[in-house]
Amino acid sequence: MSLTTSGDRCRAAADAGPDALVVFKRVRDSANTIVDLEIIEVNVRAQQQLGLAREDVIGKTYLGLLPHFRTESAFDNYAKVVTTGTRFECEFAYDVPKTGTRWFRQLAVRVDDGVAISLRDVTKWKHVGERVREAEERLRLAMGAAHMGAWSVDLETDTYTLSEEAGPIFGLPKGAGPRS
């Protein structure tokens, strides 16, 4: 592949990165209101992670492909990025064909008269976070059943925290003392 133009270099960099990238140009009506966004570029990672075939999406519109996201205000957020230049970030779940639900962290930024959306697959992080929360809850229940508590000291700030169950161990009411 010859990387003779800046466009070629940018496409190569986008394809080599870990994030999916979708670039849209705005579609306006006669009153100059943004009514849709047309897909003008997708990188290889977007095709893989979102289950999109380049030839099936280039030239298609956002609302034509994903009309249900209009009700979730994602389109309105993207239109705001185009009109104001204000970045937009959030996480969302997306049903990837033949793969199932995946979680993505998105960053949308204005590019010319459109928007570029970078998507990072955070599905594994979401699942790890759920397992940590479940483990913490099991530990809390086990400590409560065993009439045990926990406490910690932060030496830098000289502060301490007590678990809810630690109060009675120190002769305090349950839940007394600072908790994090």
N, C-alpha and C. Protein backbone atom coordinates (compact mmCIF):
# COMPACT_ATOMS: atom_id res chain seq x y z
N MET A 1 0.86 -1.18 0.00
CA MET A 1 0.00 0.00 0.00
C MET A 1 0.90 1.23 0.00
N SER A 2 0.62 2.15 -0.89
CA SER A 2 1.37 3.39 -0.96
C SER A 2 0.64 4.45 -0.15
N LEU A 3 1.37 5.07 0.74
CA LEU A 3 0.77 6.11 1.59
C LEU A 3 1.22 7.47 1.08
N THR A 4 0.79 7.81 -0.12
CA THR A 4 1.27 9.03 -0.76
C THR A 4 0.49 10.26 -0.35
N THR A 5 -0.75 10.13 0.04
CA THR A 5 -1.53 11.31 0.42
C THR A 5 -1.79 11.31 1.92
N SER A 6 -2.13 12.46 2.45
CA SER A 6 -2.43 12.54 3.88
C SER A 6 -3.68 11.71 4.19
N GLY A 7 -4.62 11.65 3.24
CA GLY A 7 -5.81 10.82 3.44
C GLY A 7 -5.45 9.35 3.58
N ASP A 8 -4.52 8.88 2.75
CA ASP A 8 -4.05 7.49 2.83
C ASP A 8 -3.40 7.23 4.19
N ARG A 9 -2.59 8.18 4.64
CA ARG A 9 -1.92 8.02 5.93
C ARG A 9 -2.93 8.00 7.08
N CYS A 10 -3.92 8.85 7.02
CA CYS A 10 -4.94 8.89 8.06
C CYS A 10 -5.75 7.60 8.09
N ARG A 11 -6.13 7.09 6.92
CA ARG A 11 -6.87 5.83 6.86
C ARG A 11 -6.05 4.68 7.42
N ALA A 12 -4.75 4.64 7.08
CA ALA A 12 -3.87 3.58 7.59
C ALA A 12 -3.77 3.66 9.11
N ALA A 13 -3.65 4.86 9.65
CA ALA A 13 -3.58 5.03 11.10
C ALA A 13 -4.88 4.62 11.77
N ALA A 14 -6.01 4.99 11.19
CA ALA A 14 -7.32 4.63 11.75
C ALA A 14 -7.52 3.12 11.72
N ASP A 15 -7.08 2.48 10.64
CA ASP A 15 -7.23 1.03 10.53
C ASP A 15 -6.32 0.29 11.50
N ALA A 16 -5.18 0.86 11.84
CA ALA A 16 -4.22 0.21 12.74
C ALA A 16 -4.60 0.37 14.21
N GLY A 17 -5.46 1.33 14.52
CA GLY A 17 -5.81 1.61 15.91
C GLY A 17 -6.77 0.60 16.50
N PRO A 18 -6.93 0.62 17.83
CA PRO A 18 -7.80 -0.33 18.52
C PRO A 18 -9.28 0.04 18.49
N ASP A 19 -9.60 1.25 18.08
CA ASP A 19 -10.98 1.73 18.16
C ASP A 19 -11.67 1.69 16.81
N ALA A 20 -12.98 1.46 16.87
CA ALA A 20 -13.81 1.59 15.69
C ALA A 20 -13.97 3.08 15.40
N LEU A 21 -14.00 3.45 14.14
CA LEU A 21 -14.17 4.84 13.76
C LEU A 21 -15.20 4.94 12.64
N VAL A 22 -16.20 5.79 12.87
CA VAL A 22 -17.24 6.03 11.87
C VAL A 22 -17.31 7.54 11.67
N VAL A 23 -17.27 7.97 10.41
CA VAL A 23 -17.31 9.40 10.10
C VAL A 23 -18.59 9.67 9.31
N PHE A 24 -19.30 10.71 9.75
CA PHE A 24 -20.56 11.11 9.12
C PHE A 24 -20.44 12.53 8.59
N LYS A 25 -21.19 12.83 7.53
CA LYS A 25 -21.38 14.22 7.14
C LYS A 25 -22.84 14.54 7.40
N ARG A 26 -23.10 15.79 7.69
CA ARG A 26 -24.47 16.19 8.04
C ARG A 26 -25.33 16.24 6.79
N VAL A 27 -26.64 16.00 7.00
CA VAL A 27 -27.65 16.13 5.94
C VAL A 27 -28.64 17.16 6.44
N ARG A 28 -28.81 18.24 5.67
CA ARG A 28 -29.69 19.34 6.10
C ARG A 28 -30.91 19.42 5.20
N ASP A 29 -32.00 19.96 5.75
CA ASP A 29 -33.20 20.20 4.95
C ASP A 29 -33.15 21.62 4.39
N SER A 30 -34.21 22.05 3.74
CA SER A 30 -34.23 23.37 3.11
C SER A 30 -34.16 24.51 4.13
N ALA A 31 -34.51 24.23 5.39
CA ALA A 31 -34.42 25.24 6.45
C ALA A 31 -33.05 25.21 7.12
N ASN A 32 -32.11 24.43 6.57
CA ASN A 32 -30.75 24.32 7.07
C ASN A 32 -30.67 23.60 8.42
N THR A 33 -31.67 22.79 8.74
CA THR A 33 -31.70 22.01 9.97
C THR A 33 -31.09 20.64 9.69
N ILE A 34 -30.28 20.16 10.60
CA ILE A 34 -29.70 18.82 10.43
C ILE A 34 -30.80 17.79 10.63
N VAL A 35 -31.06 17.00 9.60
CA VAL A 35 -32.13 16.01 9.66
C VAL A 35 -31.60 14.57 9.66
N ASP A 36 -30.34 14.41 9.32
CA ASP A 36 -29.74 13.08 9.33
C ASP A 36 -28.22 13.22 9.19
N LEU A 37 -27.54 12.10 9.27
CA LEU A 37 -26.09 12.06 9.10
C LEU A 37 -25.78 10.93 8.12
N GLU A 38 -24.95 11.21 7.12
CA GLU A 38 -24.60 10.20 6.12
C GLU A 38 -23.22 9.63 6.42
N ILE A 39 -23.11 8.32 6.41
CA ILE A 39 -21.82 7.67 6.67
C ILE A 39 -20.92 7.85 5.46
N ILE A 40 -19.73 8.43 5.70
CA ILE A 40 -18.79 8.63 4.61
C ILE A 40 -17.50 7.82 4.80
N GLU A 41 -17.28 7.28 6.00
CA GLU A 41 -16.07 6.49 6.23
C GLU A 41 -16.26 5.57 7.44
N VAL A 42 -15.76 4.36 7.33
CA VAL A 42 -15.67 3.43 8.46
C VAL A 42 -14.31 2.75 8.37
N ASN A 43 -13.68 2.54 9.51
CA ASN A 43 -12.40 1.85 9.46
C ASN A 43 -12.60 0.34 9.59
N VAL A 44 -11.52 -0.39 9.44
CA VAL A 44 -11.58 -1.85 9.51
C VAL A 44 -12.12 -2.31 10.86
N ARG A 45 -11.68 -1.67 11.94
CA ARG A 45 -12.12 -2.06 13.28
C ARG A 45 -13.64 -1.88 13.43
N ALA A 46 -14.20 -0.83 12.84
CA ALA A 46 -15.66 -0.63 12.90
C ALA A 46 -16.38 -1.77 12.20
N GLN A 47 -15.83 -2.18 11.09
CA GLN A 47 -16.44 -3.28 10.35
C GLN A 47 -16.42 -4.56 11.20
N GLN A 48 -15.30 -4.81 11.88
CA GLN A 48 -15.16 -6.02 12.69
C GLN A 48 -16.01 -5.94 13.96
N GLN A 49 -15.90 -4.86 14.72
CA GLN A 49 -16.54 -4.78 16.02
C GLN A 49 -18.04 -4.53 15.94
N LEU A 50 -18.49 -3.84 14.92
CA LEU A 50 -19.91 -3.52 14.81
C LEU A 50 -20.65 -4.42 13.84
N GLY A 51 -19.92 -5.31 13.18
CA GLY A 51 -20.55 -6.21 12.22
C GLY A 51 -21.04 -5.48 10.98
N LEU A 52 -20.30 -4.45 10.58
CA LEU A 52 -20.69 -3.65 9.41
C LEU A 52 -19.83 -4.00 8.21
N ALA A 53 -20.43 -4.15 7.08
CA ALA A 53 -19.67 -4.29 5.84
C ALA A 53 -19.61 -2.91 5.21
N ARG A 54 -18.41 -2.48 4.89
CA ARG A 54 -18.19 -1.15 4.33
C ARG A 54 -19.15 -0.85 3.18
N GLU A 55 -19.26 -1.79 2.26
CA GLU A 55 -20.11 -1.56 1.08
C GLU A 55 -21.59 -1.46 1.43
N ASP A 56 -21.97 -1.94 2.60
CA ASP A 56 -23.38 -1.86 3.02
C ASP A 56 -23.72 -0.58 3.76
N VAL A 57 -22.70 0.18 4.22
CA VAL A 57 -23.00 1.35 5.04
C VAL A 57 -22.57 2.69 4.44
N ILE A 58 -21.53 2.71 3.61
CA ILE A 58 -21.09 3.98 3.03
C ILE A 58 -22.23 4.55 2.18
N GLY A 59 -22.56 5.81 2.42
CA GLY A 59 -23.65 6.46 1.71
C GLY A 59 -25.00 6.29 2.37
N LYS A 60 -25.10 5.42 3.38
CA LYS A 60 -26.35 5.23 4.11
C LYS A 60 -26.43 6.28 5.21
N THR A 61 -27.64 6.50 5.69
CA THR A 61 -27.82 7.49 6.74
C THR A 61 -27.94 6.83 8.12
N TYR A 62 -27.59 7.59 9.11
CA TYR A 62 -27.66 7.14 10.50
C TYR A 62 -29.07 6.68 10.85
N LEU A 63 -30.05 7.54 10.59
CA LEU A 63 -31.42 7.19 10.96
C LEU A 63 -31.99 6.09 10.07
N GLY A 64 -31.47 5.95 8.85
CA GLY A 64 -31.90 4.85 8.00
C GLY A 64 -31.41 3.51 8.52
N LEU A 65 -30.20 3.50 9.09
CA LEU A 65 -29.64 2.26 9.62
C LEU A 65 -30.06 1.99 11.05
N LEU A 66 -30.17 3.05 11.86
CA LEU A 66 -30.42 2.89 13.30
C LEU A 66 -31.57 3.79 13.76
N PRO A 67 -32.76 3.63 13.22
CA PRO A 67 -33.85 4.55 13.58
C PRO A 67 -34.20 4.53 15.06
N HIS A 68 -33.98 3.42 15.75
CA HIS A 68 -34.34 3.36 17.17
C HIS A 68 -33.45 4.25 18.03
N PHE A 69 -32.26 4.64 17.54
CA PHE A 69 -31.40 5.53 18.32
C PHE A 69 -31.91 6.97 18.31
N ARG A 70 -32.84 7.30 17.43
CA ARG A 70 -33.45 8.64 17.44
C ARG A 70 -34.19 8.84 18.75
N THR A 71 -34.86 7.80 19.23
CA THR A 71 -35.62 7.92 20.47
C THR A 71 -34.71 7.98 21.69
N GLU A 72 -33.48 7.51 21.56
CA GLU A 72 -32.55 7.53 22.69
C GLU A 72 -31.70 8.80 22.70
N SER A 73 -32.01 9.74 21.85
CA SER A 73 -31.39 11.06 21.74
C SER A 73 -29.94 11.05 21.25
N ALA A 74 -29.42 9.90 20.84
CA ALA A 74 -28.05 9.87 20.32
C ALA A 74 -27.93 10.77 19.10
N PHE A 75 -28.90 10.72 18.21
CA PHE A 75 -28.84 11.56 17.02
C PHE A 75 -28.79 13.03 17.41
N ASP A 76 -29.60 13.44 18.36
CA ASP A 76 -29.61 14.84 18.80
C ASP A 76 -28.25 15.24 19.37
N ASN A 77 -27.62 14.33 20.09
CA ASN A 77 -26.29 14.62 20.63
C ASN A 77 -25.28 14.81 19.50
N TYR A 78 -25.34 13.97 18.48
CA TYR A 78 -24.42 14.10 17.35
C TYR A 78 -24.68 15.40 16.58
N ALA A 79 -25.94 15.75 16.40
CA ALA A 79 -26.27 17.01 15.71
C ALA A 79 -25.73 18.20 16.50
N LYS A 80 -25.78 18.11 17.82
CA LYS A 80 -25.24 19.18 18.67
C LYS A 80 -23.72 19.28 18.49
N VAL A 81 -23.04 18.15 18.37
CA VAL A 81 -21.59 18.16 18.14
C VAL A 81 -21.30 18.91 16.83
N VAL A 82 -22.08 18.61 15.79
CA VAL A 82 -21.86 19.25 14.48
C VAL A 82 -22.10 20.76 14.58
N THR A 83 -23.17 21.17 15.25
CA THR A 83 -23.52 22.60 15.28
C THR A 83 -22.68 23.41 16.26
N THR A 84 -22.29 22.81 17.40
CA THR A 84 -21.58 23.59 18.42
C THR A 84 -20.09 23.28 18.50
N GLY A 85 -19.69 22.12 18.03
CA GLY A 85 -18.29 21.72 18.15
C GLY A 85 -17.96 21.14 19.52
N THR A 86 -18.96 21.00 20.38
CA THR A 86 -18.76 20.45 21.71
C THR A 86 -18.66 18.93 21.63
N ARG A 87 -17.60 18.38 22.21
CA ARG A 87 -17.41 16.92 22.22
C ARG A 87 -18.53 16.24 23.00
N PHE A 88 -18.79 14.99 22.67
CA PHE A 88 -19.80 14.20 23.37
C PHE A 88 -19.21 12.83 23.69
N GLU A 89 -19.36 12.40 24.95
CA GLU A 89 -18.86 11.10 25.37
C GLU A 89 -19.93 10.38 26.17
N CYS A 90 -20.02 9.08 25.98
CA CYS A 90 -20.91 8.26 26.80
C CYS A 90 -20.64 6.78 26.50
N GLU A 91 -21.27 5.92 27.26
CA GLU A 91 -21.21 4.48 27.02
C GLU A 91 -22.60 4.02 26.62
N PHE A 92 -22.65 3.00 25.77
CA PHE A 92 -23.94 2.47 25.36
C PHE A 92 -23.80 1.01 24.96
N ALA A 93 -24.91 0.29 25.03
CA ALA A 93 -24.95 -1.11 24.59
C ALA A 93 -25.43 -1.14 23.15
N TYR A 94 -24.87 -2.06 22.38
CA TYR A 94 -25.25 -2.20 20.97
C TYR A 94 -25.31 -3.69 20.64
N ASP A 95 -26.38 -4.11 19.98
CA ASP A 95 -26.53 -5.50 19.58
C ASP A 95 -25.81 -5.71 18.25
N VAL A 96 -24.66 -6.36 18.32
CA VAL A 96 -23.85 -6.63 17.14
C VAL A 96 -24.37 -7.91 16.49
N PRO A 97 -24.69 -7.85 15.19
CA PRO A 97 -25.19 -9.05 14.52
C PRO A 97 -24.23 -10.23 14.68
N LYS A 98 -24.77 -11.40 14.98
CA LYS A 98 -24.03 -12.66 15.12
C LYS A 98 -23.07 -12.69 16.31
N THR A 99 -23.03 -11.63 17.11
CA THR A 99 -22.11 -11.57 18.25
C THR A 99 -22.86 -11.40 19.56
N GLY A 100 -23.89 -10.57 19.55
CA GLY A 100 -24.64 -10.29 20.76
C GLY A 100 -24.37 -8.87 21.24
N THR A 101 -24.83 -8.57 22.43
CA THR A 101 -24.71 -7.22 22.97
C THR A 101 -23.28 -6.94 23.38
N ARG A 102 -22.78 -5.79 22.94
CA ARG A 102 -21.45 -5.31 23.29
C ARG A 102 -21.62 -3.91 23.87
N TRP A 103 -20.72 -3.54 24.75
CA TRP A 103 -20.71 -2.19 25.33
C TRP A 103 -19.60 -1.38 24.69
N PHE A 104 -19.92 -0.13 24.33
CA PHE A 104 -18.94 0.75 23.71
C PHE A 104 -18.87 2.07 24.46
N ARG A 105 -17.67 2.59 24.56
CA ARG A 105 -17.44 3.95 25.05
C ARG A 105 -17.18 4.78 23.82
N GLN A 106 -17.97 5.82 23.62
CA GLN A 106 -17.84 6.63 22.42
C GLN A 106 -17.37 8.04 22.72
N LEU A 107 -16.64 8.57 21.75
CA LEU A 107 -16.24 9.96 21.76
C LEU A 107 -16.61 10.51 20.38
N ALA A 108 -17.46 11.52 20.36
CA ALA A 108 -17.88 12.15 19.11
C ALA A 108 -17.31 13.55 19.05
N VAL A 109 -16.65 13.87 17.94
CA VAL A 109 -16.06 15.19 17.73
C VAL A 109 -16.45 15.70 16.34
N ARG A 110 -16.51 17.02 16.24
CA ARG A 110 -16.85 17.62 14.95
C ARG A 110 -15.64 17.51 14.02
N VAL A 111 -15.93 17.15 12.77
CA VAL A 111 -14.93 17.11 11.71
C VAL A 111 -15.57 17.79 10.50
N ASP A 112 -15.00 18.93 10.10
CA ASP A 112 -15.59 19.72 9.02
C ASP A 112 -17.06 19.98 9.32
N ASP A 113 -17.96 19.55 8.43
CA ASP A 113 -19.40 19.73 8.65
C ASP A 113 -20.04 18.39 8.96
N GLY A 114 -19.38 17.64 9.80
CA GLY A 114 -19.87 16.32 10.18
C GLY A 114 -19.36 15.95 11.55
N VAL A 115 -19.36 14.66 11.81
CA VAL A 115 -18.95 14.16 13.12
C VAL A 115 -18.18 12.85 12.94
N ALA A 116 -17.10 12.72 13.70
CA ALA A 116 -16.34 11.47 13.75
C ALA A 116 -16.61 10.84 15.10
N ILE A 117 -16.95 9.57 15.09
CA ILE A 117 -17.28 8.86 16.32
C ILE A 117 -16.28 7.73 16.50
N SER A 118 -15.53 7.81 17.58
CA SER A 118 -14.57 6.78 17.94
C SER A 118 -15.23 5.90 18.99
N LEU A 119 -15.19 4.59 18.77
CA LEU A 119 -15.86 3.65 19.66
C LEU A 119 -14.86 2.64 20.20
N ARG A 120 -14.77 2.54 21.52
CA ARG A 120 -13.91 1.55 22.14
C ARG A 120 -14.79 0.48 22.78
N ASP A 121 -14.52 -0.77 22.47
CA ASP A 121 -15.27 -1.89 23.04
C ASP A 121 -14.86 -2.05 24.50
N VAL A 122 -15.79 -1.80 25.43
CA VAL A 122 -15.51 -1.90 26.86
C VAL A 122 -16.31 -3.04 27.51
N THR A 123 -16.75 -3.98 26.69
CA THR A 123 -17.57 -5.08 27.18
C THR A 123 -16.87 -5.85 28.29
N LYS A 124 -15.59 -6.19 28.09
CA LYS A 124 -14.86 -6.94 29.11
C LYS A 124 -14.78 -6.16 30.42
N TRP A 125 -14.54 -4.85 30.33
CA TRP A 125 -14.47 -4.02 31.54
C TRP A 125 -15.81 -4.00 32.27
N LYS A 126 -16.90 -3.94 31.51
CA LYS A 126 -18.23 -3.95 32.13
C LYS A 126 -18.45 -5.25 32.90
N HIS A 127 -18.08 -6.37 32.28
CA HIS A 127 -18.27 -7.67 32.93
C HIS A 127 -17.38 -7.81 34.17
N VAL A 128 -16.15 -7.34 34.09
CA VAL A 128 -15.25 -7.38 35.24
C VAL A 128 -15.82 -6.54 36.37
N GLY A 129 -16.31 -5.34 36.05
CA GLY A 129 -16.90 -4.47 37.06
C GLY A 129 -18.09 -5.12 37.74
N GLU A 130 -18.93 -5.82 36.96
CA GLU A 130 -20.08 -6.51 37.55
C GLU A 130 -19.61 -7.61 38.50
N ARG A 131 -18.59 -8.36 38.11
CA ARG A 131 -18.08 -9.43 38.97
C ARG A 131 -17.47 -8.87 40.25
N VAL A 132 -16.79 -7.74 40.17
CA VAL A 132 -16.21 -7.13 41.37
C VAL A 132 -17.33 -6.68 42.31
N ARG A 133 -18.37 -6.04 41.76
CA ARG A 133 -19.49 -5.60 42.60
C ARG A 133 -20.18 -6.81 43.27
N GLU A 134 -20.36 -7.89 42.52
CA GLU A 134 -20.97 -9.10 43.09
C GLU A 134 -20.09 -9.67 44.20
N ALA A 135 -18.78 -9.71 44.00
CA ALA A 135 -17.86 -10.24 45.01
C ALA A 135 -17.87 -9.37 46.26
N GLU A 136 -17.92 -8.05 46.08
CA GLU A 136 -17.97 -7.14 47.23
C GLU A 136 -19.25 -7.36 48.02
N GLU A 137 -20.36 -7.58 47.33
CA GLU A 137 -21.63 -7.81 48.02
C GLU A 137 -21.59 -9.14 48.79
N ARG A 138 -21.03 -10.18 48.17
CA ARG A 138 -20.91 -11.46 48.88
C ARG A 138 -20.03 -11.32 50.12
N LEU A 139 -18.92 -10.58 50.00
CA LEU A 139 -18.03 -10.36 51.15
C LEU A 139 -18.76 -9.59 52.24
N ARG A 140 -19.52 -8.57 51.86
CA ARG A 140 -20.27 -7.79 52.85
C ARG A 140 -21.28 -8.66 53.59
N LEU A 141 -21.99 -9.53 52.84
CA LEU A 141 -22.97 -10.42 53.47
C LEU A 141 -22.28 -11.44 54.39
N ALA A 142 -21.15 -11.98 53.94
CA ALA A 142 -20.42 -12.96 54.76
C ALA A 142 -19.90 -12.32 56.03
N MET A 143 -19.35 -11.12 55.92
CA MET A 143 -18.84 -10.43 57.11
C MET A 143 -19.97 -10.12 58.07
N GLY A 144 -21.11 -9.73 57.54
CA GLY A 144 -22.26 -9.45 58.41
C GLY A 144 -22.74 -10.71 59.12
N ALA A 145 -22.79 -11.84 58.40
CA ALA A 145 -23.22 -13.10 59.01
C ALA A 145 -22.23 -13.58 60.07
N ALA A 146 -20.96 -13.28 59.87
CA ALA A 146 -19.93 -13.71 60.83
C ALA A 146 -19.71 -12.68 61.93
N HIS A 147 -20.48 -11.60 61.92
CA HIS A 147 -20.34 -10.51 62.88
C HIS A 147 -18.91 -9.96 62.86
N MET A 148 -18.43 -9.75 61.65
CA MET A 148 -17.10 -9.19 61.45
C MET A 148 -17.24 -7.83 60.77
N GLY A 149 -16.25 -7.02 60.92
CA GLY A 149 -16.22 -5.73 60.25
C GLY A 149 -14.85 -5.48 59.67
N ALA A 150 -14.72 -4.42 58.96
CA ALA A 150 -13.43 -4.06 58.37
C ALA A 150 -13.20 -2.58 58.58
N TRP A 151 -11.94 -2.23 58.69
CA TRP A 151 -11.59 -0.82 58.78
C TRP A 151 -10.29 -0.62 58.03
N SER A 152 -10.08 0.62 57.60
CA SER A 152 -8.84 0.93 56.89
C SER A 152 -8.40 2.34 57.27
N VAL A 153 -7.10 2.56 57.13
CA VAL A 153 -6.52 3.86 57.43
C VAL A 153 -5.77 4.33 56.20
N ASP A 154 -5.99 5.58 55.81
CA ASP A 154 -5.22 6.20 54.72
C ASP A 154 -4.14 7.03 55.38
N LEU A 155 -2.90 6.57 55.32
CA LEU A 155 -1.79 7.24 56.00
C LEU A 155 -1.48 8.61 55.41
N GLU A 156 -1.75 8.79 54.13
CA GLU A 156 -1.48 10.10 53.51
C GLU A 156 -2.41 11.18 54.05
N THR A 157 -3.70 10.83 54.18
CA THR A 157 -4.68 11.83 54.62
C THR A 157 -5.01 11.72 56.10
N ASP A 158 -4.48 10.68 56.75
CA ASP A 158 -4.74 10.43 58.16
C ASP A 158 -6.24 10.30 58.43
N THR A 159 -6.91 9.59 57.54
CA THR A 159 -8.35 9.33 57.72
C THR A 159 -8.56 7.83 57.78
N TYR A 160 -9.67 7.44 58.36
CA TYR A 160 -10.01 6.02 58.43
C TYR A 160 -11.45 5.82 58.04
N THR A 161 -11.75 4.60 57.65
CA THR A 161 -13.13 4.24 57.31
C THR A 161 -13.47 2.93 58.01
N LEU A 162 -14.73 2.80 58.35
CA LEU A 162 -15.23 1.58 58.98
C LEU A 162 -16.33 1.01 58.11
N SER A 163 -16.39 -0.32 58.02
CA SER A 163 -17.54 -0.93 57.36
C SER A 163 -18.74 -0.76 58.28
N GLU A 164 -19.91 -0.94 57.74
CA GLU A 164 -21.14 -0.78 58.53
C GLU A 164 -21.16 -1.72 59.73
N GLU A 165 -20.60 -2.92 59.54
CA GLU A 165 -20.62 -3.94 60.59
C GLU A 165 -19.55 -3.72 61.66
N ALA A 166 -18.60 -2.80 61.43
CA ALA A 166 -17.48 -2.63 62.36
C ALA A 166 -17.89 -1.87 63.63
N GLY A 167 -18.92 -1.06 63.56
CA GLY A 167 -19.32 -0.26 64.72
C GLY A 167 -19.47 -1.07 65.99
N PRO A 168 -20.29 -2.12 66.03
CA PRO A 168 -20.49 -2.90 67.26
C PRO A 168 -19.20 -3.52 67.80
N ILE A 169 -18.26 -3.85 66.92
CA ILE A 169 -16.99 -4.43 67.37
C ILE A 169 -16.24 -3.44 68.26
N PHE A 170 -16.37 -2.14 67.94
CA PHE A 170 -15.70 -1.09 68.71
C PHE A 170 -16.62 -0.44 69.73
N GLY A 171 -17.77 -1.07 69.99
CA GLY A 171 -18.69 -0.55 70.99
C GLY A 171 -19.53 0.61 70.48
N LEU A 172 -19.65 0.75 69.17
CA LEU A 172 -20.45 1.82 68.55
C LEU A 172 -21.70 1.21 67.93
N PRO A 173 -22.72 2.03 67.69
CA PRO A 173 -23.89 1.51 67.00
C PRO A 173 -23.53 1.06 65.58
N LYS A 174 -24.29 0.11 65.06
CA LYS A 174 -24.06 -0.37 63.68
C LYS A 174 -24.18 0.81 62.72
N GLY A 175 -23.22 0.93 61.84
CA GLY A 175 -23.21 2.01 60.86
C GLY A 175 -22.55 3.28 61.35
N ALA A 176 -22.11 3.32 62.61
CA ALA A 176 -21.45 4.51 63.14
C ALA A 176 -20.04 4.62 62.57
N GLY A 177 -19.54 5.81 62.50
CA GLY A 177 -18.19 6.03 62.03
C GLY A 177 -18.15 6.29 60.53
N PRO A 178 -17.03 6.78 60.07
CA PRO A 178 -16.92 7.11 58.64
C PRO A 178 -16.89 5.85 57.78
N ARG A 179 -17.58 5.90 56.63
CA ARG A 179 -17.59 4.79 55.69
C ARG A 179 -17.26 5.32 54.31
N SER A 180 -16.59 4.50 53.54
CA SER A 180 -16.28 4.91 52.16
C SER A 180 -17.22 4.24 51.21
